[in-house]
C-alpha atoms as a PDB file:
ATOM      1  CA  PRO A   1      -7.208  -3.003   4.746  1.00  0.00           C
ATOM      2  CA  ILE A   2     -10.396  -1.806   6.427  1.00  0.00           C
ATOM      3  CA  TRP A   3     -10.383  -4.599   8.681  1.00  0.00           C
ATOM      4  CA  LEU A   4      -6.812  -4.513   9.546  1.00  0.00           C
ATOM      5  CA  GLN A   5      -6.972  -0.933  10.478  1.00  0.00           C
ATOM      6  CA  ALA A   6      -9.909  -1.612  12.685  1.00  0.00           C
ATOM      7  CA  THR A   7      -7.807  -3.901  14.823  1.00  0.00           C
ATOM      8  CA  VAL A   8      -4.756  -1.671  15.080  1.00  0.00           C
ATOM      9  CA  GLU A   9      -4.681   1.601  17.349  1.00  0.00           C
ATOM     10  CA  ARG A  10      -2.096   3.327  15.172  1.00  0.00           C
ATOM     11  CA  PRO A  11      -3.180   4.670  11.543  1.00  0.00           C
ATOM     12  CA  ILE A  12      -1.895   2.428   8.660  1.00  0.00           C
ATOM     13  CA  VAL A  13      -0.508   4.163   5.688  1.00  0.00           C
ATOM     14  CA  TRP A  14      -1.391   1.856   2.832  1.00  0.00           C
ATOM     15  CA  MET A  15       0.106   1.291  -0.513  1.00  0.00           C
ATOM     16  CA  MET A  16      -2.432   0.763  -3.233  1.00  0.00           C
ATOM     17  CA  ALA A  17      -2.736   0.391  -6.908  1.00  0.00           C
ATOM     18  CA  ALA A  18      -2.589   3.795  -8.419  1.00  0.00           C
ATOM     19  CA  GLU A  19      -5.711   2.976 -10.766  1.00  0.00           C
ATOM     20  CA  PHE A  20      -7.780   3.342  -7.557  1.00  0.00           C
ATOM     21  CA  MET A  21      -6.960   6.683  -6.826  1.00  0.00           C
ATOM     22  CA  ARG A  22      -8.454   7.750 -10.230  1.00  0.00           C
ATOM     23  CA  LEU A  23     -11.688   6.705  -8.683  1.00  0.00           C
ATOM     24  CA  ARG A  24     -13.277  10.181  -8.266  1.00  0.00           C
ATOM     25  CA  TRP A  25     -15.827   9.281  -5.644  1.00  0.00           C
ATOM     26  CA  ALA A  26     -13.225   7.523  -3.654  1.00  0.00           C
ATOM     27  CA  ARG A  27     -10.196   9.862  -4.044  1.00  0.00           C
ATOM     28  CA  PRO A  28     -10.844  12.271  -1.273  1.00  0.00           C
ATOM     29  CA  MET A  29     -11.066   9.000   1.309  1.00  0.00           C
ATOM     30  CA  PHE A  30      -7.727   7.706   0.040  1.00  0.00           C
ATOM     31  CA  GLU A  31      -6.158  11.220   0.382  1.00  0.00           C
ATOM     32  CA  LEU A  32      -7.546  11.549   4.052  1.00  0.00           C
ATOM     33  CA  ALA A  33      -6.033   8.142   4.822  1.00  0.00           C
ATOM     34  CA  GLU A  34      -2.758   9.067   3.237  1.00  0.00           C
ATOM     35  CA  VAL A  35      -2.621   6.306   0.726  1.00  0.00           C
ATOM     36  CA  ILE A  36       0.397   6.021  -1.363  1.00  0.00           C
ATOM     37  CA  PRO A  37      -0.472   5.313  -4.925  1.00  0.00           C
ATOM     38  CA  ILE A  38       1.935   2.815  -6.790  1.00  0.00           C
ATOM     39  CA  GLU A  39       1.966   1.943 -10.533  1.00  0.00           C
ATOM     40  CA  ARG A  40       1.352  -1.909 -10.931  1.00  0.00           C
ATOM     41  CA  GLY A  41       3.727  -3.602 -13.054  1.00  0.00           C
ATOM     42  CA  LYS A  42       6.380  -0.891 -12.937  1.00  0.00           C
ATOM     43  CA  ARG A  43       9.240   0.467 -10.871  1.00  0.00           C
ATOM     44  CA  ASP A  44       7.582   3.333  -9.169  1.00  0.00           C
ATOM     45  CA  ALA A  45      10.459   4.960  -7.568  1.00  0.00           C
ATOM     46  CA  GLY A  46       8.332   7.823  -6.446  1.00  0.00           C
ATOM     47  CA  ALA A  47       6.068   5.473  -4.468  1.00  0.00           C
ATOM     48  CA  MET A  48       8.905   3.742  -2.963  1.00  0.00           C
ATOM     49  CA  LYS A  49      10.610   6.982  -1.872  1.00  0.00           C
ATOM     50  CA  GLN A  50       7.249   8.311  -0.361  1.00  0.00           C
ATOM     51  CA  ALA A  51       6.692   5.008   1.541  1.00  0.00           C
ATOM     52  CA  LEU A  52      10.375   5.086   2.842  1.00  0.00           C
ATOM     53  CA  ARG A  53       9.640   8.521   4.071  1.00  0.00           C
ATOM     54  CA  MET A  54       6.963   7.274   6.018  1.00  0.00           C
ATOM     55  CA  LEU A  55       8.855   4.547   7.490  1.00  0.00           C
ATOM     56  CA  ASP A  56      11.573   7.066   8.549  1.00  0.00           C
ATOM     57  CA  ARG A  57       8.837   9.052  10.254  1.00  0.00           C
ATOM     58  CA  GLY A  58       7.681   6.009  12.394  1.00  0.00           C
ATOM     59  CA  ARG A  59       4.449   5.428  10.667  1.00  0.00           C
ATOM     60  CA  LEU A  60       3.214   1.953  10.229  1.00  0.00           C
ATOM     61  CA  LEU A  61       3.149   0.895   6.368  1.00  0.00           C
ATOM     62  CA  GLY A  62       0.508  -1.541   4.971  1.00  0.00           C
ATOM     63  CA  ILE A  63       1.370  -3.211   1.859  1.00  0.00           C
ATOM     64  CA  PHE A  64       0.088  -6.624   0.085  1.00  0.00           C
ATOM     65  CA  PRO A  65       3.544  -7.766  -1.038  1.00  0.00           C
ATOM     66  CA  GLN A  66       2.047  -9.890  -3.885  1.00  0.00           C
ATOM     67  CA  GLY A  67       0.863  -6.665  -5.478  1.00  0.00           C
ATOM     68  CA  ARG A  68      -2.927  -7.396  -4.893  1.00  0.00           C
ATOM     69  CA  ILE A  69      -5.436  -8.761  -2.190  1.00  0.00           C
ATOM     70  CA  GLU A  70      -5.374 -12.464  -3.011  1.00  0.00           C
ATOM     71  CA  ARG A  71      -8.945 -14.157  -3.092  1.00  0.00           C
ATOM     72  CA  VAL A  72      -7.692 -17.568  -1.828  1.00  0.00           C
ATOM     73  CA  PRO A  73      -4.795 -17.829   0.369  1.00  0.00           C
ATOM     74  CA  TRP A  74      -2.941 -20.889  -1.216  1.00  0.00           C
ATOM     75  CA  PRO A  75      -0.903 -21.125  -3.171  1.00  0.00           C
ATOM     76  CA  MET A  76       0.691 -17.683  -2.474  1.00  0.00           C
ATOM     77  CA  MET A  77       1.691 -15.446  -5.342  1.00  0.00           C
ATOM     78  CA  PRO A  78       5.185 -14.427  -5.383  1.00  0.00           C
ATOM     79  CA  PHE A  79       6.099 -11.090  -3.737  1.00  0.00           C
ATOM     80  CA  GLN A  80       6.628  -8.225  -5.927  1.00  0.00           C
ATOM     81  CA  PRO A  81      10.132  -6.575  -6.300  1.00  0.00           C
ATOM     82  CA  GLY A  82      10.674  -3.386  -3.946  1.00  0.00           C
ATOM     83  CA  VAL A  83       9.321  -5.390  -0.838  1.00  0.00           C
ATOM     84  CA  THR A  84      12.616  -6.393   0.458  1.00  0.00           C
ATOM     85  CA  THR A  85      13.589  -2.771   0.186  1.00  0.00           C
ATOM     86  CA  LEU A  86      10.931  -1.685   2.435  1.00  0.00           C
ATOM     87  CA  ALA A  87      11.394  -4.477   4.951  1.00  0.00           C
END
């Protein structure tokens, strides 16, 4: 996400696994960046609504549709449910 944001002029609102928001030292940075925390392995309706609100406001939304940053590009992991709703 940092490298992608560095190449785009507009700020990107990222969806991120909620467990990272629980890192006390990093939380202020994530809040400043308007990160949307999403619970992995669950249907997180609140996070989806927040993401859709950001899109309605014309914001850029950054997601990794596989649900995580992949360490190897191939084979690609399947996309998580909800990605098509955001698209």
